[in-house]
N, C-alpha and C. Protein backbone atom coordinates (compact mmCIF):
# COMPACT_ATOMS: atom_id res chain seq x y z
N UNK A 1 9.24 32.83 4.89
CA UNK A 1 10.47 32.61 5.62
C UNK A 1 10.17 32.05 7.01
N UNK A 2 9.18 32.59 7.67
CA UNK A 2 8.86 32.11 9.02
C UNK A 2 8.44 30.64 9.00
N UNK A 3 7.66 30.26 7.99
CA UNK A 3 7.26 28.87 7.88
C UNK A 3 8.47 27.96 7.62
N UNK A 4 9.36 28.42 6.77
CA UNK A 4 10.59 27.64 6.52
C UNK A 4 11.40 27.50 7.80
N UNK A 5 11.45 28.55 8.59
CA UNK A 5 12.22 28.54 9.84
C UNK A 5 11.71 27.51 10.84
N UNK A 6 10.41 27.22 10.80
CA UNK A 6 9.88 26.24 11.74
C UNK A 6 9.76 24.85 11.11
N UNK A 7 10.30 24.68 9.90
CA UNK A 7 10.32 23.37 9.26
C UNK A 7 9.03 22.97 8.59
N UNK A 8 8.25 23.95 8.14
CA UNK A 8 6.99 23.68 7.45
C UNK A 8 7.24 22.81 6.22
N UNK A 9 6.38 21.80 6.02
CA UNK A 9 6.48 20.93 4.87
C UNK A 9 5.59 21.47 3.76
N UNK A 10 6.20 21.93 2.68
CA UNK A 10 5.45 22.51 1.57
C UNK A 10 4.85 21.44 0.67
N UNK A 11 5.49 20.30 0.58
CA UNK A 11 5.03 19.22 -0.29
C UNK A 11 4.10 18.31 0.50
N UNK A 12 2.81 18.35 0.18
CA UNK A 12 1.82 17.56 0.92
C UNK A 12 2.03 16.05 0.73
N UNK A 13 2.74 15.66 -0.32
CA UNK A 13 2.98 14.23 -0.57
C UNK A 13 4.24 13.74 0.12
N UNK A 14 4.98 14.63 0.75
CA UNK A 14 6.20 14.24 1.43
C UNK A 14 5.89 13.20 2.50
N UNK A 15 6.66 12.14 2.53
CA UNK A 15 6.47 11.10 3.53
C UNK A 15 5.50 10.01 3.12
N UNK A 16 4.81 10.18 2.00
CA UNK A 16 3.85 9.14 1.59
C UNK A 16 4.54 7.84 1.21
N UNK A 17 5.74 7.95 0.68
CA UNK A 17 6.51 6.74 0.39
C UNK A 17 6.85 5.98 1.65
N UNK A 18 7.13 6.72 2.71
CA UNK A 18 7.41 6.09 4.00
C UNK A 18 6.17 5.41 4.56
N UNK A 19 5.02 6.06 4.40
CA UNK A 19 3.77 5.46 4.85
C UNK A 19 3.47 4.19 4.08
N UNK A 20 3.71 4.22 2.77
CA UNK A 20 3.47 3.03 1.95
C UNK A 20 4.36 1.89 2.42
N UNK A 21 5.63 2.19 2.67
CA UNK A 21 6.56 1.15 3.11
C UNK A 21 6.19 0.61 4.48
N UNK A 22 5.67 1.45 5.35
CA UNK A 22 5.24 0.99 6.67
C UNK A 22 4.09 0.00 6.53
N UNK A 23 3.14 0.29 5.65
CA UNK A 23 2.02 -0.63 5.42
C UNK A 23 2.51 -1.91 4.75
N UNK A 24 3.45 -1.77 3.83
CA UNK A 24 4.03 -2.94 3.17
C UNK A 24 4.69 -3.85 4.20
N UNK A 25 5.42 -3.27 5.13
CA UNK A 25 6.06 -4.06 6.18
C UNK A 25 5.01 -4.74 7.06
N UNK A 26 3.90 -4.04 7.33
CA UNK A 26 2.81 -4.64 8.11
C UNK A 26 2.21 -5.82 7.35
N UNK A 27 2.10 -5.70 6.03
CA UNK A 27 1.59 -6.81 5.22
C UNK A 27 2.56 -7.99 5.26
N UNK A 28 3.85 -7.72 5.21
CA UNK A 28 4.83 -8.80 5.30
C UNK A 28 4.72 -9.52 6.64
N UNK A 29 4.50 -8.77 7.72
CA UNK A 29 4.32 -9.38 9.03
C UNK A 29 3.05 -10.23 9.07
N UNK A 30 1.98 -9.71 8.45
CA UNK A 30 0.73 -10.47 8.36
C UNK A 30 0.99 -11.79 7.63
N UNK A 31 1.70 -11.72 6.52
CA UNK A 31 1.97 -12.93 5.74
C UNK A 31 2.80 -13.92 6.54
N UNK A 32 3.78 -13.42 7.27
CA UNK A 32 4.61 -14.31 8.08
C UNK A 32 3.76 -15.04 9.13
N UNK A 33 2.80 -14.32 9.69
CA UNK A 33 1.93 -14.88 10.73
C UNK A 33 0.86 -15.82 10.15
N UNK A 34 0.24 -15.39 9.03
CA UNK A 34 -0.92 -16.10 8.48
C UNK A 34 -0.60 -17.02 7.30
N UNK A 35 0.55 -16.79 6.64
CA UNK A 35 0.93 -17.63 5.52
C UNK A 35 0.40 -17.18 4.17
N UNK A 36 -0.27 -16.03 4.13
CA UNK A 36 -0.82 -15.49 2.87
C UNK A 36 -0.96 -13.96 3.00
N UNK A 37 -1.28 -13.33 1.90
CA UNK A 37 -1.44 -11.86 1.88
C UNK A 37 -2.89 -11.42 1.73
N UNK A 38 -3.82 -12.32 1.93
CA UNK A 38 -5.25 -12.01 1.78
C UNK A 38 -5.82 -11.51 3.10
N UNK A 39 -5.59 -10.25 3.38
CA UNK A 39 -6.05 -9.66 4.63
C UNK A 39 -7.57 -9.52 4.57
N UNK A 40 -8.29 -10.14 5.52
CA UNK A 40 -9.75 -10.04 5.48
C UNK A 40 -10.22 -8.63 5.81
N UNK A 41 -11.33 -8.24 5.23
CA UNK A 41 -11.89 -6.90 5.49
C UNK A 41 -12.17 -6.70 6.98
N UNK A 42 -12.44 -7.77 7.69
CA UNK A 42 -12.76 -7.68 9.11
C UNK A 42 -11.55 -8.03 9.98
N UNK A 43 -10.35 -7.65 9.54
CA UNK A 43 -9.13 -7.94 10.29
C UNK A 43 -9.02 -6.99 11.48
N UNK A 44 -9.40 -7.47 12.64
CA UNK A 44 -9.51 -6.62 13.82
C UNK A 44 -8.17 -6.14 14.37
N UNK A 45 -7.10 -6.92 14.14
CA UNK A 45 -5.79 -6.51 14.64
C UNK A 45 -5.28 -5.24 13.98
N UNK A 46 -5.66 -5.02 12.72
CA UNK A 46 -5.22 -3.82 11.99
C UNK A 46 -6.20 -3.55 10.85
N UNK A 47 -7.36 -2.95 11.17
CA UNK A 47 -8.37 -2.69 10.13
C UNK A 47 -7.83 -1.84 8.98
N UNK A 48 -6.90 -0.96 9.26
CA UNK A 48 -6.33 -0.13 8.22
C UNK A 48 -5.55 -0.92 7.19
N UNK A 49 -4.98 -2.05 7.61
CA UNK A 49 -4.23 -2.88 6.67
C UNK A 49 -5.15 -3.48 5.61
N UNK A 50 -6.33 -3.91 6.02
CA UNK A 50 -7.29 -4.45 5.06
C UNK A 50 -7.68 -3.38 4.04
N UNK A 51 -7.91 -2.18 4.50
CA UNK A 51 -8.23 -1.08 3.59
C UNK A 51 -7.08 -0.79 2.65
N UNK A 52 -5.87 -0.80 3.17
CA UNK A 52 -4.68 -0.52 2.37
C UNK A 52 -4.51 -1.56 1.27
N UNK A 53 -4.69 -2.84 1.62
CA UNK A 53 -4.56 -3.92 0.65
C UNK A 53 -5.56 -3.75 -0.49
N UNK A 54 -6.80 -3.45 -0.15
CA UNK A 54 -7.82 -3.24 -1.19
C UNK A 54 -7.49 -2.02 -2.05
N UNK A 55 -6.97 -0.98 -1.42
CA UNK A 55 -6.57 0.22 -2.15
C UNK A 55 -5.45 -0.10 -3.14
N UNK A 56 -4.51 -0.97 -2.75
CA UNK A 56 -3.42 -1.34 -3.66
C UNK A 56 -3.95 -2.05 -4.89
N UNK A 57 -4.94 -2.90 -4.69
CA UNK A 57 -5.54 -3.60 -5.84
C UNK A 57 -6.17 -2.59 -6.80
N UNK A 58 -6.92 -1.64 -6.26
CA UNK A 58 -7.55 -0.62 -7.11
C UNK A 58 -6.51 0.20 -7.84
N UNK A 59 -5.48 0.63 -7.12
CA UNK A 59 -4.45 1.46 -7.73
C UNK A 59 -3.69 0.70 -8.82
N UNK A 60 -3.48 -0.58 -8.62
CA UNK A 60 -2.81 -1.38 -9.64
C UNK A 60 -3.67 -1.47 -10.90
N UNK A 61 -4.97 -1.65 -10.72
CA UNK A 61 -5.87 -1.67 -11.88
C UNK A 61 -5.84 -0.34 -12.61
N UNK A 62 -5.86 0.76 -11.88
CA UNK A 62 -5.78 2.09 -12.51
C UNK A 62 -4.49 2.23 -13.29
N UNK A 63 -3.37 1.80 -12.70
CA UNK A 63 -2.08 1.90 -13.37
C UNK A 63 -2.11 1.12 -14.68
N UNK A 64 -2.66 -0.10 -14.64
CA UNK A 64 -2.72 -0.93 -15.85
C UNK A 64 -3.59 -0.30 -16.94
N UNK A 65 -4.59 0.47 -16.53
CA UNK A 65 -5.47 1.14 -17.49
C UNK A 65 -4.92 2.49 -17.95
N UNK A 66 -3.76 2.86 -17.41
CA UNK A 66 -3.15 4.14 -17.79
C UNK A 66 -3.77 5.33 -17.09
N UNK A 67 -4.52 5.08 -16.04
CA UNK A 67 -5.15 6.16 -15.28
C UNK A 67 -4.20 6.64 -14.18
N UNK A 68 -4.52 7.78 -13.62
CA UNK A 68 -3.74 8.31 -12.51
C UNK A 68 -3.78 7.32 -11.35
N UNK A 69 -2.61 7.02 -10.79
CA UNK A 69 -2.51 6.00 -9.76
C UNK A 69 -1.32 6.25 -8.86
N UNK A 70 -1.45 5.82 -7.61
CA UNK A 70 -0.31 5.88 -6.70
C UNK A 70 0.56 4.63 -6.84
N UNK A 71 0.09 3.63 -7.57
CA UNK A 71 0.87 2.41 -7.78
C UNK A 71 1.99 2.70 -8.77
N UNK A 72 3.15 2.09 -8.51
CA UNK A 72 4.28 2.17 -9.43
C UNK A 72 4.72 0.75 -9.76
N UNK A 73 5.50 0.61 -10.80
CA UNK A 73 6.04 -0.70 -11.16
C UNK A 73 6.87 -1.26 -10.01
N UNK A 74 7.61 -0.40 -9.35
CA UNK A 74 8.45 -0.83 -8.23
C UNK A 74 7.59 -1.37 -7.08
N UNK A 75 6.53 -0.66 -6.75
CA UNK A 75 5.64 -1.11 -5.68
C UNK A 75 4.96 -2.41 -6.06
N UNK A 76 4.50 -2.52 -7.30
CA UNK A 76 3.84 -3.74 -7.75
C UNK A 76 4.79 -4.92 -7.66
N UNK A 77 6.05 -4.70 -8.01
CA UNK A 77 7.04 -5.78 -7.92
C UNK A 77 7.27 -6.19 -6.47
N UNK A 78 7.35 -5.22 -5.57
CA UNK A 78 7.52 -5.56 -4.15
C UNK A 78 6.36 -6.43 -3.68
N UNK A 79 5.16 -6.07 -4.06
CA UNK A 79 3.99 -6.86 -3.68
C UNK A 79 4.01 -8.23 -4.34
N UNK A 80 4.37 -8.28 -5.62
CA UNK A 80 4.48 -9.57 -6.31
C UNK A 80 5.49 -10.48 -5.61
N UNK A 81 6.59 -9.89 -5.18
CA UNK A 81 7.67 -10.66 -4.57
C UNK A 81 7.26 -11.36 -3.27
N UNK A 82 6.24 -10.85 -2.60
CA UNK A 82 5.79 -11.50 -1.37
C UNK A 82 4.52 -12.33 -1.60
N UNK A 83 4.13 -12.49 -2.86
CA UNK A 83 2.98 -13.33 -3.19
C UNK A 83 1.64 -12.64 -3.02
N UNK A 84 1.61 -11.34 -3.26
CA UNK A 84 0.37 -10.58 -3.14
C UNK A 84 -0.67 -11.11 -4.11
N UNK A 85 -1.91 -11.22 -3.65
CA UNK A 85 -3.03 -11.66 -4.49
C UNK A 85 -3.72 -10.43 -5.06
N UNK A 86 -3.58 -10.22 -6.37
CA UNK A 86 -4.16 -9.03 -7.00
C UNK A 86 -5.65 -9.17 -7.22
N UNK A 87 -6.11 -10.35 -7.53
CA UNK A 87 -7.52 -10.55 -7.81
C UNK A 87 -8.07 -11.60 -6.84
N UNK A 88 -8.90 -11.18 -5.93
CA UNK A 88 -9.42 -12.08 -4.91
C UNK A 88 -10.47 -13.06 -5.46
N UNK A 89 -10.96 -12.81 -6.65
CA UNK A 89 -12.06 -13.61 -7.19
C UNK A 89 -11.65 -14.41 -8.42
N UNK A 90 -10.37 -14.60 -8.61
CA UNK A 90 -9.90 -15.34 -9.79
C UNK A 90 -9.86 -14.45 -11.01
N UNK A 91 -9.44 -15.02 -12.12
CA UNK A 91 -9.33 -14.24 -13.36
C UNK A 91 -10.62 -14.23 -14.03
């Protein structure tokens, strides 16, 4: 009860959707500035964005293989809609 009274968050995943959307918006800004979604690993303006982009690629592969993944069809579509590059090395 005391924890509830101070607004304790019981669900550790709460807010992760908001974090994903914040990174997605950062990627859209990157694309607007650079003209593409291929964030280099050495992107000094936002190193976390490069990590996030690579993580999305891995999670999408896991989803396609039926493995546990944070990627959803909705998220994949959002990324597709802005021209996200899923495979940096071609097919």
